[in-house]
Amino acid sequence: MSQEERHPDTVTLLIGEKCMGGKKRSDIKPGLRVSIVLKKNQKTGKLSEGIVKNILTNSPSHPHGIKVRLESGEVGRVKEIFG
């Protein structure tokens, strides 16, 4: 499937590759490796990486990313999902 044929809101997880995403709750599961932006880093966009422990956003989607707690205890919005 070419880049032009993909829907812009669709996240395709590929083993060993990084995909931008994190706006749909259904794409995120505990145990996944993700990058998040912490509230204190929103202005700079600095990302923190870790394993999802809990999903904190209840709605099916969020325009800024689904909020999660990592196993490290850090809380932030998902910006990247790693497969």
PDB file of N, CA and C in Angstrom:
ATOM      1  N   MET A   1       0.850  -1.169   0.000  1.00  0.00           N
ATOM      2  CA  MET A   1       0.000   0.000   0.000  1.00  0.00           C
ATOM      3  C   MET A   1       0.898   1.235   0.000  1.00  0.00           C
ATOM      4  N   SER A   2       0.657   2.130  -0.915  1.00  0.00           N
ATOM      5  CA  SER A   2       1.491   3.330  -0.995  1.00  0.00           C
ATOM      6  C   SER A   2       1.082   4.332   0.070  1.00  0.00           C
ATOM      7  N   GLN A   3       1.943   5.306   0.310  1.00  0.00           N
ATOM      8  CA  GLN A   3       1.683   6.345   1.314  1.00  0.00           C
ATOM      9  C   GLN A   3       0.392   7.099   0.973  1.00  0.00           C
ATOM     10  N   GLU A   4       0.123   7.297  -0.326  1.00  0.00           N
ATOM     11  CA  GLU A   4      -1.056   8.034  -0.745  1.00  0.00           C
ATOM     12  C   GLU A   4      -2.352   7.280  -0.463  1.00  0.00           C
ATOM     13  N   GLU A   5      -2.288   5.934  -0.427  1.00  0.00           N
ATOM     14  CA  GLU A   5      -3.474   5.125  -0.217  1.00  0.00           C
ATOM     15  C   GLU A   5      -3.843   4.981   1.259  1.00  0.00           C
ATOM     16  N   ARG A   6      -2.927   5.298   2.155  1.00  0.00           N
ATOM     17  CA  ARG A   6      -3.177   5.139   3.585  1.00  0.00           C
ATOM     18  C   ARG A   6      -4.036   6.277   4.109  1.00  0.00           C
ATOM     19  N   HIS A   7      -4.950   5.931   4.983  1.00  0.00           N
ATOM     20  CA  HIS A   7      -5.754   6.948   5.655  1.00  0.00           C
ATOM     21  C   HIS A   7      -4.854   7.641   6.677  1.00  0.00           C
ATOM     22  N   PRO A   8      -4.909   8.960   6.795  1.00  0.00           N
ATOM     23  CA  PRO A   8      -3.984   9.669   7.685  1.00  0.00           C
ATOM     24  C   PRO A   8      -4.122   9.315   9.160  1.00  0.00           C
ATOM     25  N   ASP A   9      -5.275   8.802   9.596  1.00  0.00           N
ATOM     26  CA  ASP A   9      -5.471   8.463  11.002  1.00  0.00           C
ATOM     27  C   ASP A   9      -5.186   6.996  11.296  1.00  0.00           C
ATOM     28  N   THR A  10      -4.762   6.226  10.292  1.00  0.00           N
ATOM     29  CA  THR A  10      -4.488   4.809  10.474  1.00  0.00           C
ATOM     30  C   THR A  10      -3.052   4.602  10.917  1.00  0.00           C
ATOM     31  N   VAL A  11      -2.871   3.814  11.964  1.00  0.00           N
ATOM     32  CA  VAL A  11      -1.536   3.484  12.441  1.00  0.00           C
ATOM     33  C   VAL A  11      -1.256   2.036  12.066  1.00  0.00           C
ATOM     34  N   THR A  12      -0.178   1.799  11.356  1.00  0.00           N
ATOM     35  CA  THR A  12       0.237   0.459  10.986  1.00  0.00           C
ATOM     36  C   THR A  12       1.454   0.105  11.803  1.00  0.00           C
ATOM     37  N   LEU A  13       1.343  -0.921  12.636  1.00  0.00           N
ATOM     38  CA  LEU A  13       2.467  -1.341  13.453  1.00  0.00           C
ATOM     39  C   LEU A  13       3.273  -2.375  12.691  1.00  0.00           C
ATOM     40  N   LEU A  14       4.541  -2.125  12.514  1.00  0.00           N
ATOM     41  CA  LEU A  14       5.424  -3.030  11.813  1.00  0.00           C
ATOM     42  C   LEU A  14       6.489  -3.512  12.777  1.00  0.00           C
ATOM     43  N   ILE A  15       6.765  -4.803  12.800  1.00  0.00           N
ATOM     44  CA  ILE A  15       7.762  -5.360  13.711  1.00  0.00           C
ATOM     45  C   ILE A  15       9.112  -4.717  13.430  1.00  0.00           C
ATOM     46  N   GLY A  16       9.733  -4.182  14.481  1.00  0.00           N
ATOM     47  CA  GLY A  16      11.063  -3.595  14.369  1.00  0.00           C
ATOM     48  C   GLY A  16      11.091  -2.201  13.784  1.00  0.00           C
ATOM     49  N   GLU A  17       9.936  -1.608  13.536  1.00  0.00           N
ATOM     50  CA  GLU A  17       9.908  -0.264  12.979  1.00  0.00           C
ATOM     51  C   GLU A  17       9.095   0.651  13.880  1.00  0.00           C
ATOM     52  N   LYS A  18       9.330   1.945  13.705  1.00  0.00           N
ATOM     53  CA  LYS A  18       8.652   2.955  14.500  1.00  0.00           C
ATOM     54  C   LYS A  18       7.548   3.574  13.657  1.00  0.00           C
ATOM     55  N   CYS A  19       6.377   3.785  14.253  1.00  0.00           N
ATOM     56  CA  CYS A  19       5.274   4.429  13.565  1.00  0.00           C
ATOM     57  C   CYS A  19       4.786   5.594  14.411  1.00  0.00           C
ATOM     58  N   MET A  20       4.506   6.692  13.767  1.00  0.00           N
ATOM     59  CA  MET A  20       3.898   7.805  14.482  1.00  0.00           C
ATOM     60  C   MET A  20       2.471   7.397  14.811  1.00  0.00           C
ATOM     61  N   GLY A  21       1.948   7.848  15.895  1.00  0.00           N
ATOM     62  CA  GLY A  21       0.591   7.488  16.257  1.00  0.00           C
ATOM     63  C   GLY A  21       0.327   7.838  17.701  1.00  0.00           C
ATOM     64  N   GLY A  22      -0.580   7.118  18.303  1.00  0.00           N
ATOM     65  CA  GLY A  22      -0.873   7.335  19.699  1.00  0.00           C
ATOM     66  C   GLY A  22      -2.121   8.136  19.957  1.00  0.00           C
ATOM     67  N   LYS A  23      -2.884   8.465  18.906  1.00  0.00           N
ATOM     68  CA  LYS A  23      -4.100   9.253  19.090  1.00  0.00           C
ATOM     69  C   LYS A  23      -5.337   8.388  19.276  1.00  0.00           C
ATOM     70  N   LYS A  24      -5.219   7.081  18.972  1.00  0.00           N
ATOM     71  CA  LYS A  24      -6.351   6.169  19.124  1.00  0.00           C
ATOM     72  C   LYS A  24      -6.075   5.204  20.273  1.00  0.00           C
ATOM     73  N   ARG A  25      -6.996   5.150  21.228  1.00  0.00           N
ATOM     74  CA  ARG A  25      -6.832   4.296  22.409  1.00  0.00           C
ATOM     75  C   ARG A  25      -6.709   2.823  22.016  1.00  0.00           C
ATOM     76  N   SER A  26      -7.409   2.419  20.969  1.00  0.00           N
ATOM     77  CA  SER A  26      -7.398   1.008  20.550  1.00  0.00           C
ATOM     78  C   SER A  26      -6.036   0.560  20.035  1.00  0.00           C
ATOM     79  N   ASP A  27      -5.151   1.496  19.673  1.00  0.00           N
ATOM     80  CA  ASP A  27      -3.812   1.155  19.191  1.00  0.00           C
ATOM     81  C   ASP A  27      -2.814   0.920  20.317  1.00  0.00           C
ATOM     82  N   ILE A  28      -3.215   1.234  21.556  1.00  0.00           N
ATOM     83  CA  ILE A  28      -2.282   1.198  22.686  1.00  0.00           C
ATOM     84  C   ILE A  28      -2.726   0.121  23.674  1.00  0.00           C
ATOM     85  N   LYS A  29      -1.784  -0.706  24.073  1.00  0.00           N
ATOM     86  CA  LYS A  29      -2.048  -1.792  25.023  1.00  0.00           C
ATOM     87  C   LYS A  29      -0.940  -1.812  26.074  1.00  0.00           C
ATOM     88  N   PRO A  30      -1.255  -2.214  27.310  1.00  0.00           N
ATOM     89  CA  PRO A  30      -0.199  -2.394  28.307  1.00  0.00           C
ATOM     90  C   PRO A  30       0.853  -3.359  27.774  1.00  0.00           C
ATOM     91  N   GLY A  31       2.117  -3.049  28.030  1.00  0.00           N
ATOM     92  CA  GLY A  31       3.213  -3.881  27.568  1.00  0.00           C
ATOM     93  C   GLY A  31       3.870  -3.373  26.296  1.00  0.00           C
ATOM     94  N   LEU A  32       3.221  -2.442  25.583  1.00  0.00           N
ATOM     95  CA  LEU A  32       3.816  -1.878  24.369  1.00  0.00           C
ATOM     96  C   LEU A  32       4.913  -0.882  24.721  1.00  0.00           C
ATOM     97  N   ARG A  33       5.937  -0.825  23.870  1.00  0.00           N
ATOM     98  CA  ARG A  33       6.997   0.181  24.021  1.00  0.00           C
ATOM     99  C   ARG A  33       6.575   1.417  23.240  1.00  0.00           C
ATOM    100  N   VAL A  34       6.585   2.561  23.916  1.00  0.00           N
ATOM    101  CA  VAL A  34       6.129   3.816  23.315  1.00  0.00           C
ATOM    102  C   VAL A  34       7.059   4.956  23.700  1.00  0.00           C
ATOM    103  N   SER A  35       6.905   6.064  23.001  1.00  0.00           N
ATOM    104  CA  SER A  35       7.517   7.326  23.396  1.00  0.00           C
ATOM    105  C   SER A  35       6.394   8.254  23.798  1.00  0.00           C
ATOM    106  N   ILE A  36       6.599   8.964  24.902  1.00  0.00           N
ATOM    107  CA  ILE A  36       5.599   9.912  25.386  1.00  0.00           C
ATOM    108  C   ILE A  36       6.249  11.275  25.565  1.00  0.00           C
ATOM    109  N   VAL A  37       5.407  12.293  25.588  1.00  0.00           N
ATOM    110  CA  VAL A  37       5.880  13.622  25.966  1.00  0.00           C
ATOM    111  C   VAL A  37       5.289  13.918  27.337  1.00  0.00           C
ATOM    112  N   LEU A  38       6.163  14.237  28.289  1.00  0.00           N
ATOM    113  CA  LEU A  38       5.738  14.592  29.634  1.00  0.00           C
ATOM    114  C   LEU A  38       5.184  16.014  29.623  1.00  0.00           C
ATOM    115  N   LYS A  39       4.301  16.334  30.541  1.00  0.00           N
ATOM    116  CA  LYS A  39       3.712  17.671  30.601  1.00  0.00           C
ATOM    117  C   LYS A  39       4.798  18.745  30.670  1.00  0.00           C
ATOM    118  N   LYS A  40       5.831  18.510  31.478  1.00  0.00           N
ATOM    119  CA  LYS A  40       6.899  19.506  31.624  1.00  0.00           C
ATOM    120  C   LYS A  40       7.707  19.680  30.336  1.00  0.00           C
ATOM    121  N   ASN A  41       7.618  18.724  29.418  1.00  0.00           N
ATOM    122  CA  ASN A  41       8.375  18.787  28.165  1.00  0.00           C
ATOM    123  C   ASN A  41       7.516  19.124  26.950  1.00  0.00           C
ATOM    124  N   GLN A  42       6.266  19.540  27.167  1.00  0.00           N
ATOM    125  CA  GLN A  42       5.384  19.819  26.037  1.00  0.00           C
ATOM    126  C   GLN A  42       5.925  20.935  25.151  1.00  0.00           C
ATOM    127  N   LYS A  43       6.513  21.958  25.723  1.00  0.00           N
ATOM    128  CA  LYS A  43       7.028  23.082  24.931  1.00  0.00           C
ATOM    129  C   LYS A  43       8.211  22.664  24.071  1.00  0.00           C
ATOM    130  N   THR A  44       9.072  21.804  24.598  1.00  0.00           N
ATOM    131  CA  THR A  44      10.263  21.395  23.856  1.00  0.00           C
ATOM    132  C   THR A  44      10.001  20.179  22.977  1.00  0.00           C
ATOM    133  N   GLY A  45       8.990  19.369  23.334  1.00  0.00           N
ATOM    134  CA  GLY A  45       8.686  18.163  22.577  1.00  0.00           C
ATOM    135  C   GLY A  45       9.621  17.002  22.886  1.00  0.00           C
ATOM    136  N   LYS A  46      10.432  17.134  23.938  1.00  0.00           N
ATOM    137  CA  LYS A  46      11.360  16.059  24.323  1.00  0.00           C
ATOM    138  C   LYS A  46      10.565  14.810  24.682  1.00  0.00           C
ATOM    139  N   LEU A  47      10.991  13.664  24.120  1.00  0.00           N
ATOM    140  CA  LEU A  47      10.275  12.408  24.330  1.00  0.00           C
ATOM    141  C   LEU A  47      10.966  11.533  25.366  1.00  0.00           C
ATOM    142  N   SER A  48      10.158  10.780  26.100  1.00  0.00           N
ATOM    143  CA  SER A  48      10.638   9.772  27.038  1.00  0.00           C
ATOM    144  C   SER A  48      10.110   8.430  26.554  1.00  0.00           C
ATOM    145  N   GLU A  49      10.929   7.397  26.639  1.00  0.00           N
ATOM    146  CA  GLU A  49      10.554   6.084  26.124  1.00  0.00           C
ATOM    147  C   GLU A  49      10.346   5.108  27.271  1.00  0.00           C
ATOM    148  N   GLY A  50       9.400   4.188  27.094  1.00  0.00           N
ATOM    149  CA  GLY A  50       9.174   3.177  28.109  1.00  0.00           C
ATOM    150  C   GLY A  50       8.072   2.221  27.720  1.00  0.00           C
ATOM    151  N   ILE A  51       7.693   1.372  28.668  1.00  0.00           N
ATOM    152  CA  ILE A  51       6.660   0.351  28.481  1.00  0.00           C
ATOM    153  C   ILE A  51       5.374   0.817  29.157  1.00  0.00           C
ATOM    154  N   VAL A  52       4.244   0.717  28.440  1.00  0.00           N
ATOM    155  CA  VAL A  52       2.949   1.138  28.974  1.00  0.00           C
ATOM    156  C   VAL A  52       2.534   0.221  30.126  1.00  0.00           C
ATOM    157  N   LYS A  53       2.222   0.843  31.270  1.00  0.00           N
ATOM    158  CA  LYS A  53       1.695   0.113  32.419  1.00  0.00           C
ATOM    159  C   LYS A  53       0.168   0.250  32.458  1.00  0.00           C
ATOM    160  N   ASN A  54      -0.333   1.496  32.344  1.00  0.00           N
ATOM    161  CA  ASN A  54      -1.763   1.769  32.383  1.00  0.00           C
ATOM    162  C   ASN A  54      -2.120   2.784  31.301  1.00  0.00           C
ATOM    163  N   ILE A  55      -3.336   2.663  30.782  1.00  0.00           N
ATOM    164  CA  ILE A  55      -3.893   3.672  29.883  1.00  0.00           C
ATOM    165  C   ILE A  55      -4.787   4.561  30.735  1.00  0.00           C
ATOM    166  N   LEU A  56      -4.524   5.865  30.722  1.00  0.00           N
ATOM    167  CA  LEU A  56      -5.252   6.787  31.593  1.00  0.00           C
ATOM    168  C   LEU A  56      -6.387   7.523  30.884  1.00  0.00           C
ATOM    169  N   THR A  57      -6.321   7.653  29.567  1.00  0.00           N
ATOM    170  CA  THR A  57      -7.387   8.310  28.807  1.00  0.00           C
ATOM    171  C   THR A  57      -8.527   7.320  28.609  1.00  0.00           C
ATOM    172  N   ASN A  58      -9.751   7.743  28.940  1.00  0.00           N
ATOM    173  CA  ASN A  58     -10.914   6.869  28.794  1.00  0.00           C
ATOM    174  C   ASN A  58     -11.582   6.977  27.426  1.00  0.00           C
ATOM    175  N   SER A  59     -11.462   8.136  26.766  1.00  0.00           N
ATOM    176  CA  SER A  59     -12.120   8.326  25.476  1.00  0.00           C
ATOM    177  C   SER A  59     -11.419   7.513  24.393  1.00  0.00           C
ATOM    178  N   PRO A  60     -12.113   7.179  23.300  1.00  0.00           N
ATOM    179  CA  PRO A  60     -11.515   6.356  22.242  1.00  0.00           C
ATOM    180  C   PRO A  60     -10.373   7.035  21.490  1.00  0.00           C
ATOM    181  N   SER A  61     -10.314   8.359  21.532  1.00  0.00           N
ATOM    182  CA  SER A  61      -9.223   9.077  20.863  1.00  0.00           C
ATOM    183  C   SER A  61      -8.980  10.404  21.565  1.00  0.00           C
ATOM    184  N   HIS A  62      -7.816  10.994  21.293  1.00  0.00           N
ATOM    185  CA  HIS A  62      -7.479  12.310  21.833  1.00  0.00           C
ATOM    186  C   HIS A  62      -6.546  12.984  20.833  1.00  0.00           C
ATOM    187  N   PRO A  63      -6.811  14.252  20.483  1.00  0.00           N
ATOM    188  CA  PRO A  63      -6.020  14.927  19.449  1.00  0.00           C
ATOM    189  C   PRO A  63      -4.547  15.116  19.799  1.00  0.00           C
ATOM    190  N   HIS A  64      -4.202  15.108  21.075  1.00  0.00           N
ATOM    191  CA  HIS A  64      -2.809  15.309  21.489  1.00  0.00           C
ATOM    192  C   HIS A  64      -2.117  14.012  21.885  1.00  0.00           C
ATOM    193  N   GLY A  65      -2.829  12.899  21.778  1.00  0.00           N
ATOM    194  CA  GLY A  65      -2.260  11.609  22.146  1.00  0.00           C
ATOM    195  C   GLY A  65      -2.927  11.043  23.387  1.00  0.00           C
ATOM    196  N   ILE A  66      -2.976   9.735  23.463  1.00  0.00           N
ATOM    197  CA  ILE A  66      -3.573   9.042  24.604  1.00  0.00           C
ATOM    198  C   ILE A  66      -2.624   9.139  25.795  1.00  0.00           C
ATOM    199  N   LYS A  67      -3.172   9.479  26.951  1.00  0.00           N
ATOM    200  CA  LYS A  67      -2.354   9.606  28.157  1.00  0.00           C
ATOM    201  C   LYS A  67      -2.152   8.235  28.781  1.00  0.00           C
ATOM    202  N   VAL A  68      -0.886   7.919  29.105  1.00  0.00           N
ATOM    203  CA  VAL A  68      -0.531   6.631  29.699  1.00  0.00           C
ATOM    204  C   VAL A  68       0.432   6.826  30.862  1.00  0.00           C
ATOM    205  N   ARG A  69       0.512   5.782  31.700  1.00  0.00           N
ATOM    206  CA  ARG A  69       1.536   5.706  32.738  1.00  0.00           C
ATOM    207  C   ARG A  69       2.495   4.607  32.305  1.00  0.00           C
ATOM    208  N   LEU A  70       3.784   4.921  32.310  1.00  0.00           N
ATOM    209  CA  LEU A  70       4.792   3.930  31.971  1.00  0.00           C
ATOM    210  C   LEU A  70       5.152   3.114  33.207  1.00  0.00           C
ATOM    211  N   GLU A  71       5.811   1.983  32.996  1.00  0.00           N
ATOM    212  CA  GLU A  71       6.255   1.157  34.127  1.00  0.00           C
ATOM    213  C   GLU A  71       7.193   1.929  35.040  1.00  0.00           C
ATOM    214  N   SER A  72       7.871   2.952  34.521  1.00  0.00           N
ATOM    215  CA  SER A  72       8.773   3.790  35.318  1.00  0.00           C
ATOM    216  C   SER A  72       8.012   4.769  36.213  1.00  0.00           C
ATOM    217  N   GLY A  73       6.681   4.897  35.983  1.00  0.00           N
ATOM    218  CA  GLY A  73       5.871   5.835  36.757  1.00  0.00           C
ATOM    219  C   GLY A  73       5.623   7.153  36.047  1.00  0.00           C
ATOM    220  N   GLU A  74       6.337   7.405  34.952  1.00  0.00           N
ATOM    221  CA  GLU A  74       6.150   8.647  34.203  1.00  0.00           C
ATOM    222  C   GLU A  74       4.781   8.628  33.523  1.00  0.00           C
ATOM    223  N   VAL A  75       4.146   9.813  33.466  1.00  0.00           N
ATOM    224  CA  VAL A  75       2.838   9.965  32.838  1.00  0.00           C
ATOM    225  C   VAL A  75       2.960  10.983  31.713  1.00  0.00           C
ATOM    226  N   GLY A  76       2.418  10.633  30.556  1.00  0.00           N
ATOM    227  CA  GLY A  76       2.447  11.565  29.437  1.00  0.00           C
ATOM    228  C   GLY A  76       1.592  11.060  28.295  1.00  0.00           C
ATOM    229  N   ARG A  77       1.606  11.814  27.203  1.00  0.00           N
ATOM    230  CA  ARG A  77       0.795  11.481  26.025  1.00  0.00           C
ATOM    231  C   ARG A  77       1.639  10.762  24.986  1.00  0.00           C
ATOM    232  N   VAL A  78       1.097   9.686  24.424  1.00  0.00           N
ATOM    233  CA  VAL A  78       1.825   8.870  23.449  1.00  0.00           C
ATOM    234  C   VAL A  78       2.009   9.644  22.152  1.00  0.00           C
ATOM    235  N   LYS A  79       3.264   9.659  21.687  1.00  0.00           N
ATOM    236  CA  LYS A  79       3.619  10.300  20.423  1.00  0.00           C
ATOM    237  C   LYS A  79       4.099   9.286  19.398  1.00  0.00           C
ATOM    238  N   GLU A  80       4.699   8.189  19.850  1.00  0.00           N
ATOM    239  CA  GLU A  80       5.208   7.143  18.958  1.00  0.00           C
ATOM    240  C   GLU A  80       4.909   5.781  19.575  1.00  0.00           C
ATOM    241  N   ILE A  81       4.585   4.829  18.708  1.00  0.00           N
ATOM    242  CA  ILE A  81       4.388   3.443  19.125  1.00  0.00           C
ATOM    243  C   ILE A  81       5.447   2.621  18.410  1.00  0.00           C
ATOM    244  N   PHE A  82       6.160   1.776  19.152  1.00  0.00           N
ATOM    245  CA  PHE A  82       7.189   0.923  18.571  1.00  0.00           C
ATOM    246  C   PHE A  82       6.674  -0.494  18.457  1.00  0.00           C
ATOM    247  N   GLY A  83       6.925  -1.139  17.310  1.00  0.00           N
ATOM    248  CA  GLY A  83       6.468  -2.513  17.095  1.00  0.00           C
ATOM    249  C   GLY A  83       7.582  -3.481  17.309  1.00  0.00           C
TER     250      GLY A  83
END
